[in-house]
PDB file of N, CA and C in Angstrom:
ATOM      1  N   UNK A   1     163.856 165.632 134.332  1.00  0.00           N
ATOM      2  CA  UNK A   1     163.437 165.438 135.702  1.00  0.00           C
ATOM      3  C   UNK A   1     162.131 164.644 135.695  1.00  0.00           C
ATOM      4  N   UNK A   2     162.119 163.574 136.462  1.00  0.00           N
ATOM      5  CA  UNK A   2     160.903 162.775 136.552  1.00  0.00           C
ATOM      6  C   UNK A   2     159.894 163.504 137.428  1.00  0.00           C
ATOM      7  N   UNK A   3     158.627 163.271 137.152  1.00  0.00           N
ATOM      8  CA  UNK A   3     157.599 163.908 137.978  1.00  0.00           C
ATOM      9  C   UNK A   3     156.347 163.036 138.031  1.00  0.00           C
ATOM     10  N   UNK A   4     155.485 163.340 138.984  1.00  0.00           N
ATOM     11  CA  UNK A   4     154.227 162.600 139.184  1.00  0.00           C
ATOM     12  C   UNK A   4     153.033 163.438 138.739  1.00  0.00           C
ATOM     13  N   UNK A   5     153.283 164.436 137.904  1.00  0.00           N
ATOM     14  CA  UNK A   5     152.245 165.383 137.534  1.00  0.00           C
ATOM     15  C   UNK A   5     151.012 164.708 136.919  1.00  0.00           C
ATOM     16  N   UNK A   6     151.239 163.811 135.979  1.00  0.00           N
ATOM     17  CA  UNK A   6     150.108 163.148 135.302  1.00  0.00           C
ATOM     18  C   UNK A   6     149.262 162.372 136.299  1.00  0.00           C
ATOM     19  N   UNK A   7     149.918 161.647 137.202  1.00  0.00           N
ATOM     20  CA  UNK A   7     149.194 160.843 138.196  1.00  0.00           C
ATOM     21  C   UNK A   7     148.401 161.740 139.142  1.00  0.00           C
ATOM     22  N   UNK A   8     149.063 162.787 139.634  1.00  0.00           N
ATOM     23  CA  UNK A   8     148.399 163.702 140.566  1.00  0.00           C
ATOM     24  C   UNK A   8     147.206 164.384 139.903  1.00  0.00           C
ATOM     25  N   UNK A   9     147.392 164.755 138.648  1.00  0.00           N
ATOM     26  CA  UNK A   9     146.308 165.403 137.895  1.00  0.00           C
ATOM     27  C   UNK A   9     145.141 164.439 137.688  1.00  0.00           C
ATOM     28  N   UNK A  10     145.465 163.200 137.338  1.00  0.00           N
ATOM     29  CA  UNK A  10     144.427 162.188 137.106  1.00  0.00           C
ATOM     30  C   UNK A  10     143.660 161.880 138.380  1.00  0.00           C
ATOM     31  N   UNK A  11     144.346 161.861 139.518  1.00  0.00           N
ATOM     32  CA  UNK A  11     143.681 161.604 140.806  1.00  0.00           C
ATOM     33  C   UNK A  11     142.604 162.631 141.105  1.00  0.00           C
ATOM     34  N   UNK A  12     142.798 163.833 140.586  1.00  0.00           N
ATOM     35  CA  UNK A  12     141.834 164.916 140.815  1.00  0.00           C
ATOM     36  C   UNK A  12     140.876 165.099 139.648  1.00  0.00           C
ATOM     37  N   UNK A  13     141.030 164.253 138.628  1.00  0.00           N
ATOM     38  CA  UNK A  13     140.194 164.308 137.428  1.00  0.00           C
ATOM     39  C   UNK A  13     140.304 165.671 136.731  1.00  0.00           C
ATOM     40  N   UNK A  14     141.532 166.198 136.680  1.00  0.00           N
ATOM     41  CA  UNK A  14     141.798 167.463 136.011  1.00  0.00           C
ATOM     42  C   UNK A  14     142.394 167.180 134.641  1.00  0.00           C
ATOM     43  N   UNK A  15     141.992 167.954 133.658  1.00  0.00           N
ATOM     44  CA  UNK A  15     142.630 167.890 132.347  1.00  0.00           C
ATOM     45  C   UNK A  15     143.916 168.711 132.411  1.00  0.00           C
ATOM     46  N   UNK A  16     144.727 168.590 131.378  1.00  0.00           N
ATOM     47  CA  UNK A  16     145.922 169.431 131.307  1.00  0.00           C
ATOM     48  C   UNK A  16     145.514 170.905 131.285  1.00  0.00           C
ATOM     49  N   UNK A  17     144.417 171.204 130.593  1.00  0.00           N
ATOM     50  CA  UNK A  17     143.939 172.588 130.524  1.00  0.00           C
ATOM     51  C   UNK A  17     143.490 173.083 131.905  1.00  0.00           C
ATOM     52  N   UNK A  18     142.857 172.211 132.699  1.00  0.00           N
ATOM     53  CA  UNK A  18     142.445 172.584 134.058  1.00  0.00           C
ATOM     54  C   UNK A  18     143.659 172.971 134.894  1.00  0.00           C
ATOM     55  N   UNK A  19     144.679 172.115 134.854  1.00  0.00           N
ATOM     56  CA  UNK A  19     145.888 172.390 135.637  1.00  0.00           C
ATOM     57  C   UNK A  19     146.583 173.640 135.111  1.00  0.00           C
ATOM     58  N   UNK A  20     146.664 173.784 133.815  1.00  0.00           N
ATOM     59  CA  UNK A  20     147.296 174.963 133.221  1.00  0.00           C
ATOM     60  C   UNK A  20     146.624 176.242 133.699  1.00  0.00           C
ATOM     61  N   UNK A  21     145.306 176.239 133.763  1.00  0.00           N
ATOM     62  CA  UNK A  21     144.563 177.403 134.231  1.00  0.00           C
ATOM     63  C   UNK A  21     144.877 177.729 135.677  1.00  0.00           C
ATOM     64  N   UNK A  22     145.026 176.710 136.502  1.00  0.00           N
ATOM     65  CA  UNK A  22     145.340 176.914 137.918  1.00  0.00           C
ATOM     66  C   UNK A  22     146.761 177.463 138.105  1.00  0.00           C
ATOM     67  N   UNK A  23     147.628 177.124 137.147  1.00  0.00           N
ATOM     68  CA  UNK A  23     149.030 177.539 137.248  1.00  0.00           C
ATOM     69  C   UNK A  23     149.322 178.827 136.494  1.00  0.00           C
ATOM     70  N   UNK A  24     148.435 179.219 135.600  1.00  0.00           N
ATOM     71  CA  UNK A  24     148.682 180.400 134.792  1.00  0.00           C
ATOM     72  C   UNK A  24     149.676 180.157 133.675  1.00  0.00           C
ATOM     73  N   UNK A  25     149.693 178.925 133.160  1.00  0.00           N
ATOM     74  CA  UNK A  25     150.556 178.573 132.033  1.00  0.00           C
ATOM     75  C   UNK A  25     149.699 177.953 130.939  1.00  0.00           C
ATOM     76  N   UNK A  26     150.305 177.649 129.791  1.00  0.00           N
ATOM     77  CA  UNK A  26     149.561 177.025 128.699  1.00  0.00           C
ATOM     78  C   UNK A  26     149.425 175.518 128.923  1.00  0.00           C
ATOM     79  N   UNK A  27     148.453 174.925 128.259  1.00  0.00           N
ATOM     80  CA  UNK A  27     148.279 173.476 128.305  1.00  0.00           C
ATOM     81  C   UNK A  27     149.527 172.797 127.744  1.00  0.00           C
ATOM     82  N   UNK A  28     150.131 173.405 126.727  1.00  0.00           N
ATOM     83  CA  UNK A  28     151.339 172.843 126.121  1.00  0.00           C
ATOM     84  C   UNK A  28     152.493 172.794 127.126  1.00  0.00           C
ATOM     85  N   UNK A  29     152.552 173.781 128.013  1.00  0.00           N
ATOM     86  CA  UNK A  29     153.584 173.769 129.056  1.00  0.00           C
ATOM     87  C   UNK A  29     153.366 172.601 130.007  1.00  0.00           C
ATOM     88  N   UNK A  30     152.123 172.386 130.413  1.00  0.00           N
ATOM     89  CA  UNK A  30     151.817 171.253 131.289  1.00  0.00           C
ATOM     90  C   UNK A  30     152.199 169.949 130.601  1.00  0.00           C
ATOM     91  N   UNK A  31     151.860 169.812 129.339  1.00  0.00           N
ATOM     92  CA  UNK A  31     152.193 168.604 128.585  1.00  0.00           C
ATOM     93  C   UNK A  31     153.709 168.409 128.514  1.00  0.00           C
ATOM     94  N   UNK A  32     154.451 169.481 128.246  1.00  0.00           N
ATOM     95  CA  UNK A  32     155.906 169.365 128.140  1.00  0.00           C
ATOM     96  C   UNK A  32     156.539 168.971 129.467  1.00  0.00           C
ATOM     97  N   UNK A  33     156.006 169.475 130.568  1.00  0.00           N
ATOM     98  CA  UNK A  33     156.527 169.101 131.893  1.00  0.00           C
ATOM     99  C   UNK A  33     156.207 167.637 132.171  1.00  0.00           C
ATOM    100  N   UNK A  34     154.971 167.221 131.891  1.00  0.00           N
ATOM    101  CA  UNK A  34     154.567 165.831 132.139  1.00  0.00           C
ATOM    102  C   UNK A  34     155.413 164.836 131.355  1.00  0.00           C
ATOM    103  N   UNK A  35     155.749 165.186 130.133  1.00  0.00           N
ATOM    104  CA  UNK A  35     156.491 164.258 129.269  1.00  0.00           C
ATOM    105  C   UNK A  35     157.999 164.375 129.425  1.00  0.00           C
ATOM    106  N   UNK A  36     158.449 165.277 130.301  1.00  0.00           N
ATOM    107  CA  UNK A  36     159.867 165.421 130.543  1.00  0.00           C
ATOM    108  C   UNK A  36     160.619 166.218 129.500  1.00  0.00           C
ATOM    109  N   UNK A  37     159.897 166.883 128.615  1.00  0.00           N
ATOM    110  CA  UNK A  37     160.549 167.683 127.579  1.00  0.00           C
ATOM    111  C   UNK A  37     160.957 169.051 128.113  1.00  0.00           C
ATOM    112  N   UNK A  38     160.431 169.427 129.266  1.00  0.00           N
ATOM    113  CA  UNK A  38     160.693 170.740 129.851  1.00  0.00           C
ATOM    114  C   UNK A  38     160.718 170.606 131.355  1.00  0.00           C
ATOM    115  N   UNK A  39     161.761 171.127 131.977  1.00  0.00           N
ATOM    116  CA  UNK A  39     161.829 171.183 133.435  1.00  0.00           C
ATOM    117  C   UNK A  39     161.347 172.561 133.864  1.00  0.00           C
ATOM    118  N   UNK A  40     160.388 172.615 134.763  1.00  0.00           N
ATOM    119  CA  UNK A  40     159.853 173.923 135.178  1.00  0.00           C
ATOM    120  C   UNK A  40     160.880 174.738 135.949  1.00  0.00           C
ATOM    121  N   UNK A  41     160.703 176.056 135.917  1.00  0.00           N
ATOM    122  CA  UNK A  41     161.532 176.923 136.753  1.00  0.00           C
ATOM    123  C   UNK A  41     161.241 176.586 138.207  1.00  0.00           C
ATOM    124  N   UNK A  42     162.125 177.006 139.078  1.00  0.00           N
ATOM    125  CA  UNK A  42     161.910 176.746 140.502  1.00  0.00           C
ATOM    126  C   UNK A  42     160.611 177.374 141.011  1.00  0.00           C
ATOM    127  N   UNK A  43     160.327 178.645 140.657  1.00  0.00           N
ATOM    128  CA  UNK A  43     159.045 179.209 141.111  1.00  0.00           C
ATOM    129  C   UNK A  43     157.831 178.425 140.595  1.00  0.00           C
ATOM    130  N   UNK A  44     157.891 177.956 139.357  1.00  0.00           N
ATOM    131  CA  UNK A  44     156.774 177.179 138.812  1.00  0.00           C
ATOM    132  C   UNK A  44     156.669 175.826 139.507  1.00  0.00           C
ATOM    133  N   UNK A  45     157.800 175.208 139.791  1.00  0.00           N
ATOM    134  CA  UNK A  45     157.786 173.922 140.501  1.00  0.00           C
ATOM    135  C   UNK A  45     157.123 174.072 141.874  1.00  0.00           C
ATOM    136  N   UNK A  46     157.447 175.149 142.585  1.00  0.00           N
ATOM    137  CA  UNK A  46     156.825 175.384 143.888  1.00  0.00           C
ATOM    138  C   UNK A  46     155.324 175.656 143.736  1.00  0.00           C
ATOM    139  N   UNK A  47     154.961 176.368 142.687  1.00  0.00           N
ATOM    140  CA  UNK A  47     153.542 176.656 142.448  1.00  0.00           C
ATOM    141  C   UNK A  47     152.779 175.369 142.159  1.00  0.00           C
ATOM    142  N   UNK A  48     153.387 174.483 141.364  1.00  0.00           N
ATOM    143  CA  UNK A  48     152.766 173.183 141.067  1.00  0.00           C
ATOM    144  C   UNK A  48     152.563 172.405 142.368  1.00  0.00           C
ATOM    145  N   UNK A  49     153.587 172.364 143.195  1.00  0.00           N
ATOM    146  CA  UNK A  49     153.491 171.630 144.465  1.00  0.00           C
ATOM    147  C   UNK A  49     152.383 172.211 145.335  1.00  0.00           C
ATOM    148  N   UNK A  50     152.297 173.533 145.399  1.00  0.00           N
ATOM    149  CA  UNK A  50     151.247 174.179 146.208  1.00  0.00           C
ATOM    150  C   UNK A  50     149.848 173.840 145.697  1.00  0.00           C
ATOM    151  N   UNK A  51     149.668 173.789 144.384  1.00  0.00           N
ATOM    152  CA  UNK A  51     148.358 173.462 143.808  1.00  0.00           C
ATOM    153  C   UNK A  51     147.901 172.083 144.283  1.00  0.00           C
ATOM    154  N   UNK A  52     148.861 171.163 144.412  1.00  0.00           N
ATOM    155  CA  UNK A  52     148.527 169.810 144.856  1.00  0.00           C
ATOM    156  C   UNK A  52     148.635 169.637 146.368  1.00  0.00           C
ATOM    157  N   UNK A  53     149.075 170.665 147.075  1.00  0.00           N
ATOM    158  CA  UNK A  53     149.215 170.580 148.525  1.00  0.00           C
ATOM    159  C   UNK A  53     150.317 169.644 148.960  1.00  0.00           C
ATOM    160  N   UNK A  54     151.394 169.599 148.175  1.00  0.00           N
ATOM    161  CA  UNK A  54     152.498 168.693 148.445  1.00  0.00           C
ATOM    162  C   UNK A  54     153.820 169.450 148.482  1.00  0.00           C
ATOM    163  N   UNK A  55     154.845 168.789 148.992  1.00  0.00           N
ATOM    164  CA  UNK A  55     156.205 169.331 148.918  1.00  0.00           C
ATOM    165  C   UNK A  55     156.722 169.130 147.496  1.00  0.00           C
ATOM    166  N   UNK A  56     157.633 169.971 147.076  1.00  0.00           N
ATOM    167  CA  UNK A  56     158.211 169.847 145.733  1.00  0.00           C
ATOM    168  C   UNK A  56     158.780 168.440 145.519  1.00  0.00           C
ATOM    169  N   UNK A  57     159.434 167.902 146.545  1.00  0.00           N
ATOM    170  CA  UNK A  57     160.044 166.576 146.445  1.00  0.00           C
ATOM    171  C   UNK A  57     159.016 165.471 146.228  1.00  0.00           C
ATOM    172  N   UNK A  58     157.777 165.704 146.594  1.00  0.00           N
ATOM    173  CA  UNK A  58     156.720 164.714 146.397  1.00  0.00           C
ATOM    174  C   UNK A  58     156.201 164.742 144.959  1.00  0.00           C
ATOM    175  N   UNK A  59     156.517 165.792 144.217  1.00  0.00           N
ATOM    176  CA  UNK A  59     156.055 165.908 142.831  1.00  0.00           C
ATOM    177  C   UNK A  59     157.181 165.634 141.849  1.00  0.00           C
ATOM    178  N   UNK A  60     158.382 166.122 142.158  1.00  0.00           N
ATOM    179  CA  UNK A  60     159.515 166.017 141.241  1.00  0.00           C
ATOM    180  C   UNK A  60     160.648 165.205 141.840  1.00  0.00           C
ATOM    181  N   UNK A  61     161.374 164.508 140.951  1.00  0.00           N
ATOM    182  CA  UNK A  61     162.531 163.714 141.369  1.00  0.00           C
ATOM    183  C   UNK A  61     163.674 164.019 140.420  1.00  0.00           C
ATOM    184  N   UNK A  62     164.821 164.349 140.966  1.00  0.00           N
ATOM    185  CA  UNK A  62     165.995 164.597 140.168  1.00  0.00           C
ATOM    186  C   UNK A  62     166.575 163.257 139.719  1.00  0.00           C
ATOM    187  N   UNK A  63     166.483 162.970 138.422  1.00  0.00           N
ATOM    188  CA  UNK A  63     166.976 161.684 137.905  1.00  0.00           C
ATOM    189  C   UNK A  63     168.470 161.494 138.141  1.00  0.00           C
ATOM    190  N   UNK A  64     169.233 162.577 138.127  1.00  0.00           N
ATOM    191  CA  UNK A  64     170.677 162.484 138.319  1.00  0.00           C
ATOM    192  C   UNK A  64     171.014 162.057 139.752  1.00  0.00           C
ATOM    193  N   UNK A  65     170.136 162.325 140.686  1.00  0.00           N
ATOM    194  CA  UNK A  65     170.385 161.977 142.082  1.00  0.00           C
ATOM    195  C   UNK A  65     169.983 160.537 142.399  1.00  0.00           C
ATOM    196  N   UNK A  66     169.389 159.849 141.453  1.00  0.00           N
ATOM    197  CA  UNK A  66     168.959 158.473 141.676  1.00  0.00           C
ATOM    198  C   UNK A  66     167.573 158.411 142.257  1.00  0.00           C
ATOM    199  N   UNK A  67     167.157 157.237 142.637  1.00  0.00           N
ATOM    200  CA  UNK A  67     165.803 157.039 143.158  1.00  0.00           C
ATOM    201  C   UNK A  67     165.688 157.570 144.570  1.00  0.00           C
ATOM    202  N   UNK A  68     164.561 158.195 144.834  1.00  0.00           N
ATOM    203  CA  UNK A  68     164.286 158.635 146.187  1.00  0.00           C
ATOM    204  C   UNK A  68     163.544 157.533 146.916  1.00  0.00           C
ATOM    205  N   UNK A  69     163.561 157.521 148.227  1.00  0.00           N
ATOM    206  CA  UNK A  69     162.840 156.476 148.965  1.00  0.00           C
ATOM    207  C   UNK A  69     161.348 156.511 148.737  1.00  0.00           C
ATOM    208  N   UNK A  70     160.814 157.659 148.290  1.00  0.00           N
ATOM    209  CA  UNK A  70     159.367 157.772 148.084  1.00  0.00           C
ATOM    210  C   UNK A  70     158.926 157.316 146.709  1.00  0.00           C
ATOM    211  N   UNK A  71     159.861 156.988 145.836  1.00  0.00           N
ATOM    212  CA  UNK A  71     159.508 156.653 144.450  1.00  0.00           C
ATOM    213  C   UNK A  71     159.037 155.245 144.316  1.00  0.00           C
TER     214      UNK A  71
END
């Protein structure tokens, strides 16, 4: 699943460790999500979106569904 996590994190000048602390996960988990090696659970995806004040669809894109108009 494609995501904008790295960009959103960089816009706020947060390290992976900063974001991990806000989410209650490890830095390695944040890295795996950013690099596409791990798709977050639905509850974690919603938590990520809430941390950034965005809708889930603004953070994640289902690659199988094709490009979204916001991409």
